[in-house]
Protein backbone atom coordinates (compact mmCIF):
# COMPACT_ATOMS: atom_id res chain seq x y z
CA MET A 1 129.19 39.90 -21.98
CA THR A 2 131.58 39.55 -19.04
CA ARG A 3 130.56 41.13 -15.76
CA ARG A 4 132.90 42.34 -13.05
CA PHE A 5 133.59 39.94 -10.19
CA ALA A 6 131.45 41.96 -7.76
CA GLU A 7 128.47 41.78 -10.13
CA ALA A 8 128.89 38.18 -11.23
CA GLU A 9 126.83 35.10 -10.37
CA ILE A 10 129.53 32.66 -9.24
CA ALA A 11 128.53 29.00 -8.84
CA VAL A 12 130.51 26.83 -6.42
CA LEU A 13 130.22 23.02 -6.41
CA GLU A 14 132.51 22.41 -3.42
CA ALA A 15 130.78 20.69 -0.48
CA ARG A 16 133.11 20.28 2.52
CA MET A 17 134.87 23.65 2.11
CA SER A 18 131.97 25.61 0.62
CA GLY A 19 131.78 28.04 3.54
CA GLU A 20 135.48 28.85 3.32
CA LEU A 21 135.26 29.30 -0.44
CA ALA A 22 132.16 31.52 -0.14
CA ASN A 23 133.97 33.68 2.43
CA LEU A 24 136.96 34.07 0.12
CA ILE A 25 134.66 35.13 -2.70
CA ALA A 26 132.89 37.61 -0.42
CA ARG A 27 136.24 39.07 0.68
CA HIS A 28 136.95 39.89 -2.96
CA GLY A 29 133.53 41.52 -3.27
CA GLY A 30 131.75 38.66 -5.01
CA HIS A 31 128.69 36.52 -4.30
CA ALA A 32 128.80 32.72 -4.24
CA ARG A 33 125.96 30.40 -5.19
CA CYS A 34 126.98 27.24 -3.33
CA ILE A 35 125.49 23.99 -4.63
CA PRO A 36 127.42 20.88 -3.51
CA ALA A 37 127.91 18.27 -6.23
CA VAL A 38 129.42 15.55 -4.03
CA ARG A 39 128.71 13.67 -0.81
CA GLU A 40 131.46 11.81 1.07
CA VAL A 41 129.79 8.69 2.46
CA PRO A 42 131.41 5.96 4.60
CA PRO A 43 130.86 2.46 3.20
CA ALA A 44 128.93 -0.05 5.29
CA ASP A 45 132.17 -1.83 6.23
CA ALA A 46 134.19 1.27 7.16
CA THR A 47 134.66 0.16 10.78
CA GLN A 48 135.66 -3.34 9.70
CA GLN A 49 138.20 -1.92 7.25
CA ALA A 50 139.70 0.36 9.89
CA MET A 51 139.97 -2.49 12.40
CA THR A 52 141.62 -4.71 9.76
CA LEU A 53 144.22 -2.02 9.17
CA LEU A 54 144.87 -1.69 12.91
CA HIS A 55 145.16 -5.47 13.22
CA GLU A 56 147.77 -5.55 10.44
CA LEU A 57 149.69 -2.76 12.16
CA CYS A 58 149.63 -4.47 15.55
CA ALA A 59 150.79 -7.73 13.97
CA GLN A 60 153.72 -5.78 12.46
CA ARG A 61 152.69 -6.79 8.96
CA LEU A 62 152.97 -3.28 7.47
CA ASP A 63 156.07 -1.30 6.49
CA ALA A 64 154.40 1.84 5.15
CA ILE A 65 151.06 3.55 4.77
CA ILE A 66 149.89 5.98 2.08
CA PHE A 67 147.26 8.60 2.92
CA SER A 68 145.63 10.02 -0.21
CA THR A 69 143.47 12.68 1.48
CA GLY A 70 142.78 14.44 4.73
CA VAL A 71 139.25 13.02 4.65
CA GLY A 72 140.62 9.49 4.57
CA ALA A 73 143.06 10.20 7.40
CA ASN A 74 140.27 11.68 9.53
CA ALA A 75 138.00 8.73 8.72
CA LEU A 76 140.59 6.22 9.94
CA LEU A 77 141.26 8.13 13.16
CA ARG A 78 137.54 8.60 13.80
CA GLU A 79 136.64 4.94 13.26
CA ILE A 80 139.40 3.69 15.53
CA GLU A 81 138.63 6.30 18.20
CA ARG A 82 135.03 5.02 18.29
CA GLN A 83 136.46 1.63 19.23
CA GLY A 84 138.51 3.20 22.03
CA LEU A 85 141.79 2.20 20.36
CA LEU A 86 143.18 5.51 19.10
CA PRO A 87 146.33 5.46 21.31
CA GLU A 88 147.19 2.00 19.94
CA LEU A 89 146.73 3.19 16.36
CA LEU A 90 148.94 6.25 16.89
CA ASP A 91 151.69 4.17 18.52
CA GLU A 92 151.70 1.67 15.67
CA LEU A 93 151.70 4.36 12.96
CA LYS A 94 154.82 5.90 14.52
CA ARG A 95 156.62 2.62 13.83
CA ILE A 96 156.19 2.65 10.03
CA THR A 97 156.84 4.98 7.09
CA ILE A 98 154.03 7.50 6.56
CA ILE A 99 153.50 8.81 3.03
CA CYS A 100 151.07 11.62 2.12
CA ARG A 101 149.85 12.72 -1.30
CA GLY A 102 149.60 16.35 -0.15
CA PRO A 103 149.38 18.78 2.77
CA LYS A 104 145.81 17.96 3.89
CA PRO A 105 146.45 14.45 5.23
CA ALA A 106 149.81 15.63 6.57
CA THR A 107 148.07 18.36 8.58
CA VAL A 108 145.59 15.86 10.06
CA LEU A 109 148.35 13.45 11.06
CA ARG A 110 150.66 16.07 12.54
CA LYS A 111 147.85 17.28 14.79
CA HIS A 112 148.03 13.82 16.36
CA GLY A 113 151.81 13.95 16.73
CA LEU A 114 152.54 11.70 13.76
CA PRO A 115 155.54 12.30 11.49
CA VAL A 116 155.20 12.45 7.71
CA HIS A 117 158.23 10.91 6.06
CA ILE A 118 157.39 11.37 2.38
CA SER A 119 155.05 13.88 0.73
CA ALA A 120 154.27 14.70 -2.89
CA ARG A 121 155.12 18.15 -4.21
CA GLU A 122 152.64 20.57 -5.80
CA PRO A 123 150.15 20.17 -7.35
CA TYR A 124 149.75 17.03 -5.20
CA THR A 125 148.32 14.69 -7.83
CA THR A 126 149.00 10.99 -8.33
CA GLU A 127 151.77 11.96 -10.77
CA GLU A 128 153.73 13.83 -8.09
CA LEU A 129 153.13 11.02 -5.59
CA LEU A 130 154.60 8.50 -8.03
CA ASP A 131 157.63 10.76 -8.47
CA ALA A 132 158.14 10.80 -4.69
CA LEU A 133 157.75 7.01 -4.49
CA ASP A 134 160.38 6.53 -7.21
CA GLU A 135 162.98 7.29 -4.52
CA VAL A 136 161.60 4.68 -2.09
CA GLU A 137 162.56 1.00 -1.91
CA LEU A 138 159.28 -0.88 -2.33
CA ASN A 139 160.35 -4.38 -3.37
CA GLY A 140 158.72 -6.81 -0.94
CA LYS A 141 157.42 -4.00 1.27
CA ARG A 142 153.93 -4.28 2.76
CA VAL A 143 152.06 -1.05 2.04
CA ALA A 144 148.61 0.02 3.23
CA LEU A 145 146.89 2.37 0.80
CA LEU A 146 144.02 4.61 1.93
CA HIS A 147 142.24 5.62 -1.25
CA TYR A 148 140.26 8.81 -1.82
CA GLY A 149 136.54 8.50 -2.69
CA GLU A 150 137.23 5.86 -5.32
CA ARG A 151 139.93 3.34 -6.10
CA ASN A 152 143.14 4.80 -7.52
CA ALA A 153 143.90 2.01 -9.99
CA ARG A 154 146.97 3.76 -11.38
CA LEU A 155 148.64 3.98 -7.96
CA VAL A 156 147.82 0.35 -7.17
CA ALA A 157 149.29 -0.79 -10.49
CA TYR A 158 152.46 1.25 -9.86
CA LEU A 159 152.95 -0.25 -6.39
CA GLN A 160 152.43 -3.77 -7.71
CA GLU A 161 154.85 -3.16 -10.57
CA ARG A 162 157.41 -2.15 -7.93
CA ASP A 163 156.74 -5.52 -6.23
CA ALA A 164 155.12 -4.02 -3.16
CA ARG A 165 152.42 -6.00 -1.34
CA VAL A 166 149.42 -3.67 -1.29
CA LEU A 167 146.52 -3.69 1.17
CA GLU A 168 143.76 -1.38 -0.05
CA PHE A 169 141.29 0.54 2.10
CA CYS A 170 138.52 2.98 1.15
CA LEU A 171 136.88 4.60 4.18
CA TYR A 172 134.63 6.96 2.24
CA GLU A 173 132.97 7.04 -1.17
CA TRP A 174 132.02 9.87 -3.52
CA GLN A 175 128.30 9.98 -4.25
CA LEU A 176 125.83 12.44 -5.72
CA PRO A 177 123.86 14.57 -3.24
CA GLU A 178 120.71 12.88 -1.96
CA ASP A 179 118.68 15.78 -3.37
CA THR A 180 119.97 16.80 -6.80
CA SER A 181 117.24 19.35 -7.58
CA SER A 182 119.45 22.39 -6.89
CA LEU A 183 122.29 20.97 -8.96
CA THR A 184 119.89 20.16 -11.80
CA GLN A 185 118.54 23.71 -11.72
CA LEU A 186 122.10 25.05 -11.85
CA ILE A 187 122.76 22.98 -14.98
CA HIS A 188 119.74 24.57 -16.71
CA ASP A 189 120.84 28.03 -15.55
CA LEU A 190 124.34 27.42 -16.92
CA CYS A 191 122.88 26.35 -20.27
CA ALA A 192 120.67 29.46 -20.32
CA GLY A 193 123.60 31.81 -19.70
CA GLN A 194 122.29 32.89 -16.29
CA VAL A 195 125.54 32.08 -14.46
CA ASP A 196 128.71 34.12 -15.03
CA ALA A 197 131.37 31.86 -13.51
CA LEU A 198 131.72 28.28 -12.29
CA ILE A 199 134.33 27.18 -9.73
CA LEU A 200 135.36 23.51 -9.76
CA THR A 201 137.75 22.04 -7.20
CA SER A 202 137.75 18.29 -7.96
CA GLN A 203 137.39 15.85 -10.83
CA VAL A 204 134.34 14.20 -9.27
CA GLN A 205 132.44 17.51 -9.28
CA VAL A 206 132.97 17.63 -13.04
CA ARG A 207 131.80 14.06 -13.53
CA HIS A 208 128.70 14.52 -11.39
CA LEU A 209 127.79 17.76 -13.19
CA PHE A 210 127.90 16.07 -16.59
CA GLN A 211 126.27 12.90 -15.26
CA LEU A 212 123.23 14.91 -14.22
CA ALA A 213 123.30 16.88 -17.47
CA GLU A 214 123.19 13.56 -19.34
CA ARG A 215 120.08 12.59 -17.37
CA GLU A 216 118.49 15.91 -18.27
CA GLY A 217 119.34 15.45 -21.94
CA CYS A 218 121.51 18.58 -22.08
CA ARG A 219 125.08 17.34 -21.83
CA GLN A 220 126.13 18.89 -25.14
CA ARG A 221 124.39 22.18 -24.34
CA LEU A 222 126.17 22.30 -20.99
CA ALA A 223 129.57 21.72 -22.60
CA GLU A 224 128.81 24.41 -25.18
CA ALA A 225 127.77 26.88 -22.47
CA LEU A 226 130.94 26.20 -20.48
CA ARG A 227 133.02 26.76 -23.61
CA LYS A 228 131.35 29.98 -24.76
CA GLN A 229 129.21 31.63 -22.07
CA VAL A 230 130.57 30.78 -18.62
CA THR A 231 133.98 31.57 -17.15
CA VAL A 232 135.25 28.25 -15.78
CA ALA A 233 137.80 28.25 -12.94
CA SER A 234 139.52 24.97 -12.07
CA ILE A 235 141.96 24.07 -9.33
CA GLY A 236 144.74 21.64 -10.22
CA PRO A 237 145.55 19.57 -13.30
CA THR A 238 143.34 16.59 -12.38
CA CYS A 239 140.21 18.75 -12.31
CA SER A 240 141.23 20.54 -15.51
CA GLU A 241 141.88 17.23 -17.29
CA ALA A 242 138.41 16.00 -16.27
CA LEU A 243 136.90 19.11 -17.86
CA GLN A 244 138.90 18.62 -21.03
CA GLN A 245 137.43 15.12 -21.39
CA TYR A 246 134.11 16.91 -22.00
CA GLY A 247 135.65 19.39 -24.42
CA VAL A 248 135.89 22.23 -21.88
CA ARG A 249 139.13 24.13 -21.27
CA PRO A 250 139.03 26.25 -18.10
CA GLN A 251 139.93 29.90 -18.57
CA VAL A 252 141.20 30.26 -15.00
CA VAL A 253 143.73 27.88 -13.42
CA PRO A 254 145.78 29.31 -10.53
CA GLU A 255 149.52 28.80 -10.35
CA HIS A 256 149.16 27.13 -6.93
CA PRO A 257 146.32 24.64 -6.20
CA ARG A 258 144.83 26.54 -3.28
CA MET A 259 141.40 28.12 -2.90
CA GLY A 260 142.70 31.58 -2.10
CA HIS A 261 144.81 31.60 -5.26
CA LEU A 262 141.84 30.31 -7.27
CA VAL A 263 139.46 33.06 -6.12
CA LYS A 264 142.09 35.76 -6.66
CA ALA A 265 142.84 34.46 -10.17
CA LEU A 266 139.12 34.41 -11.03
CA SER A 267 138.61 37.90 -9.67
CA ASP A 268 141.56 39.24 -11.68
CA TYR A 269 140.38 37.48 -14.83
CA LEU A 270 136.83 38.85 -14.65
CA GLU A 271 138.12 42.36 -13.94
CA ARG A 272 140.41 42.21 -16.97
CA GLN A 273 137.68 40.84 -19.21
CA SER A 274 135.15 43.47 -18.13
CA GLN A 275 137.65 46.25 -18.86
CA THR A 276 138.26 45.02 -22.40
CA LEU A 277 134.58 45.25 -23.36
CA PRO A 278 133.90 47.86 -26.06
CA ARG A 279 132.33 51.03 -24.76
CA SER A 280 128.81 51.80 -25.96
């Protein structure tokens, strides 16, 4: 039985933006159960990587830089600022072509007065970034690539096929929460039909959810529950494709990959579903 949005138990796996997402849900009259599924952890050599990138910039051995995420952009700026070299980094970045996968890294960079020369269109996935790069001369160009929380092998392969010289950097990594007890309990609640809706905003949330379910011996039951008992809302094609790898097709996917659109689409969906229930 589908409950109205205001009555529903809505699970949220977002970590960094969980407060914003919970506020959006509350504004629509709902209640969020926020249980982060991901930690963003700097690797042990994050400072060394950032300094290597700055060294390459100062030696004028880079023609372009690709920022995959706002988190990665912030990580680079933060690491270099700790070394007291932020003005040097900003000056050197202004000399080369800056490419962003989406609006989040662009926003971070523009706050520091940096131009963004090339940006992917919605929904801001690797596919759209490759489309944008199709128009760029890359042969022989030296390109720094700041990955998201894991290596983007497809983007690296594309750049190498275009005969670019790629320097790869990863200034944060996706990991499970240190304490997974709340997430494990959520998995059991999902399997038991005690959660009405689940909001997913990244592919790694999906993977971590099913990774823990595998440990608990209930991966198939979780997939079945998400197919038949729980309304699943997903933002963007990458997250939706990750779900489909586990046999789950989200019922709610907003037209635009933004949290406000996602919450509104979920609210509308639950309201419609509750109104179609047969009257007793």
